[in-house]
């Protein structure tokens, strides 16, 4: 019974991770087009999936702890692989296949997220370069005695954050 519940739980987790991977692919396209409102909505959608994954993961951990205790598996050996080794053959094959599919999907998701991180970083670099060309340059780059320098009013400084927000 517990093994069946574990298989169902892992299938649900895999489905959520597959959906999150599809969202990551969609995010790549949104980042390429630079559609900020769509990106904002997309991030909210991702957060829903992440929350659902976190809840299922907590259930999986609780179930695994019960199973490890039931099977007498020591704390140092508490892995999905050690659990699979203790199960009977029909479930063992299913669990092994699920484990491999899960590892593959996690690797795909990781690669897609790395691509999205690079695209985000490049977008930020473009924004910074644009700001550098638009905003005026400081007049004096060398250090001078601030007492001898004429006082300028309304000097604008570039800030990375809006301090009035």
Protein backbone atom coordinates (compact mmCIF):
# COMPACT_ATOMS: atom_id res chain seq x y z
CA UNK A 1 0.00 0.00 0.00
CA UNK A 2 2.73 2.45 0.96
CA UNK A 3 4.72 1.66 -2.16
CA UNK A 4 1.66 2.37 -4.30
CA UNK A 5 1.18 5.68 -2.51
CA UNK A 6 4.87 6.49 -3.07
CA UNK A 7 4.54 5.76 -6.79
CA UNK A 8 1.45 7.98 -7.04
CA UNK A 9 3.22 10.77 -5.16
CA UNK A 10 6.30 10.56 -7.38
CA UNK A 11 4.12 10.61 -10.51
CA UNK A 12 2.39 13.77 -9.26
CA UNK A 13 5.75 15.37 -8.50
CA UNK A 14 7.02 14.43 -11.96
CA UNK A 15 3.92 15.93 -13.58
CA UNK A 16 4.39 19.20 -11.69
CA UNK A 17 8.07 19.33 -12.62
CA UNK A 18 7.21 18.67 -16.27
CA UNK A 19 4.69 21.54 -16.18
CA UNK A 20 7.29 23.77 -14.52
CA UNK A 21 9.73 22.85 -17.31
CA UNK A 22 7.15 23.90 -19.90
CA UNK A 23 6.75 27.19 -18.05
CA UNK A 24 10.53 27.65 -18.12
CA UNK A 25 10.51 27.16 -21.89
CA UNK A 26 7.71 29.71 -22.20
CA UNK A 27 9.67 32.07 -19.95
CA UNK A 28 12.60 31.88 -22.38
CA UNK A 29 10.37 33.16 -25.18
CA UNK A 30 9.00 35.92 -22.95
CA UNK A 31 12.54 36.98 -22.02
CA UNK A 32 13.52 37.05 -25.69
CA UNK A 33 10.63 39.37 -26.54
CA UNK A 34 11.11 41.54 -23.44
CA UNK A 35 7.42 41.54 -22.55
CA UNK A 36 7.59 42.62 -18.90
CA UNK A 37 3.84 42.40 -18.08
CA UNK A 38 3.74 38.84 -19.44
CA UNK A 39 6.87 38.00 -17.47
CA UNK A 40 5.23 39.26 -14.28
CA UNK A 41 2.16 37.08 -14.84
CA UNK A 42 4.39 34.16 -15.78
CA UNK A 43 6.38 34.46 -12.55
CA UNK A 44 3.14 34.37 -10.55
CA UNK A 45 2.15 31.19 -12.37
CA UNK A 46 5.55 29.65 -11.63
CA UNK A 47 5.14 30.44 -7.94
CA UNK A 48 1.89 28.43 -7.87
CA UNK A 49 3.68 25.39 -9.24
CA UNK A 50 6.61 25.82 -6.88
CA UNK A 51 4.24 25.96 -3.91
CA UNK A 52 2.45 22.81 -5.06
CA UNK A 53 5.79 21.04 -5.55
CA UNK A 54 6.92 22.10 -2.08
CA UNK A 55 3.74 20.70 -0.52
CA UNK A 56 4.03 17.38 -2.36
CA UNK A 57 7.71 17.19 -1.51
CA UNK A 58 6.87 17.55 2.19
CA UNK A 59 4.36 14.70 1.85
CA UNK A 60 6.99 12.59 0.09
CA UNK A 61 9.54 13.24 2.84
CA UNK A 62 7.02 12.28 5.52
CA UNK A 63 6.05 9.10 3.68
CA UNK A 64 9.70 8.20 3.04
CA UNK A 65 10.52 8.64 6.74
CA UNK A 66 7.66 6.29 7.65
CA UNK A 67 8.81 3.76 5.08
CA UNK A 68 12.44 3.93 6.18
CA UNK A 69 11.36 3.36 9.77
CA UNK A 70 9.12 0.45 8.72
CA UNK A 71 11.86 -1.15 6.62
CA UNK A 72 14.57 -0.52 9.22
CA UNK A 73 16.79 1.51 6.89
CA UNK A 74 19.47 3.42 8.79
CA UNK A 75 19.58 7.20 8.60
CA UNK A 76 22.79 7.24 6.53
CA UNK A 77 21.22 5.01 3.88
CA UNK A 78 17.91 6.84 3.50
CA UNK A 79 17.77 7.44 -0.24
CA UNK A 80 15.24 6.62 -2.91
CA UNK A 81 17.68 4.07 -4.31
CA UNK A 82 17.88 2.22 -0.99
CA UNK A 83 14.08 2.30 -0.77
CA UNK A 84 13.79 0.89 -4.29
CA UNK A 85 16.16 -1.95 -3.39
CA UNK A 86 13.84 -2.98 -0.53
CA UNK A 87 10.67 -3.07 -2.66
CA UNK A 88 9.27 -6.05 -4.55
CA UNK A 89 9.72 -6.50 -8.29
CA UNK A 90 6.66 -4.96 -9.98
CA UNK A 91 6.99 -1.78 -7.92
CA UNK A 92 10.79 -1.82 -8.13
CA UNK A 93 10.73 -1.52 -11.92
CA UNK A 94 8.16 1.28 -11.80
CA UNK A 95 10.10 3.17 -9.12
CA UNK A 96 13.39 2.79 -10.98
CA UNK A 97 11.82 4.08 -14.18
CA UNK A 98 10.22 7.01 -12.32
CA UNK A 99 13.52 7.83 -10.66
CA UNK A 100 15.32 7.97 -14.02
CA UNK A 101 12.58 10.06 -15.64
CA UNK A 102 12.65 12.40 -12.66
CA UNK A 103 16.44 12.85 -12.88
CA UNK A 104 16.18 13.55 -16.62
CA UNK A 105 13.39 16.10 -16.13
CA UNK A 106 15.26 17.86 -13.31
CA UNK A 107 18.35 18.12 -15.54
CA UNK A 108 16.26 19.57 -18.40
CA UNK A 109 14.65 22.06 -16.02
CA UNK A 110 18.04 23.04 -14.62
CA UNK A 111 19.45 23.65 -18.12
CA UNK A 112 16.42 25.74 -19.11
CA UNK A 113 16.66 27.80 -15.92
CA UNK A 114 20.36 28.43 -16.56
CA UNK A 115 19.48 29.71 -20.04
CA UNK A 116 16.80 31.97 -18.56
CA UNK A 117 19.31 33.27 -16.02
CA UNK A 118 21.75 34.11 -18.82
CA UNK A 119 19.02 35.89 -20.79
CA UNK A 120 18.02 37.88 -17.71
CA UNK A 121 21.63 38.83 -17.06
CA UNK A 122 22.09 39.95 -20.67
CA UNK A 123 18.90 42.01 -20.50
CA UNK A 124 20.18 43.70 -17.36
CA UNK A 125 23.47 44.48 -19.11
CA UNK A 126 21.58 46.09 -22.01
CA UNK A 127 19.55 48.19 -19.57
CA UNK A 128 22.73 49.32 -17.80
CA UNK A 129 24.43 50.19 -21.09
CA UNK A 130 21.37 52.16 -22.16
CA UNK A 131 21.35 54.05 -18.88
CA UNK A 132 25.06 54.79 -19.28
CA UNK A 133 24.47 56.34 -22.70
CA UNK A 134 21.40 58.33 -21.68
CA UNK A 135 22.51 59.73 -18.33
CA UNK A 136 25.13 62.50 -18.24
CA UNK A 137 28.67 61.64 -17.28
CA UNK A 138 30.26 63.19 -14.17
CA UNK A 139 32.34 66.24 -15.09
CA UNK A 140 35.41 65.48 -13.02
CA UNK A 141 36.77 62.02 -12.54
CA UNK A 142 39.81 62.98 -10.46
CA UNK A 143 39.78 63.62 -6.77
CA UNK A 144 39.78 67.24 -5.79
CA UNK A 145 39.49 69.19 -2.61
CA UNK A 146 35.75 69.46 -2.00
CA UNK A 147 36.20 72.80 -0.19
CA UNK A 148 37.69 74.48 -3.26
CA UNK A 149 35.18 73.07 -5.72
CA UNK A 150 32.23 75.25 -6.69
CA UNK A 151 28.97 74.03 -5.26
CA UNK A 152 26.64 72.76 -7.92
CA UNK A 153 23.00 72.48 -7.26
CA UNK A 154 20.71 69.95 -8.81
CA UNK A 155 23.48 67.48 -9.53
CA UNK A 156 22.00 64.23 -10.65
CA UNK A 157 23.48 60.99 -9.58
CA UNK A 158 22.65 57.66 -11.04
CA UNK A 159 21.14 55.31 -8.54
CA UNK A 160 20.44 51.64 -9.06
CA UNK A 161 17.37 51.83 -6.83
CA UNK A 162 14.50 54.25 -6.55
CA UNK A 163 14.92 55.49 -3.01
CA UNK A 164 11.43 56.98 -2.89
CA UNK A 165 9.71 53.73 -3.70
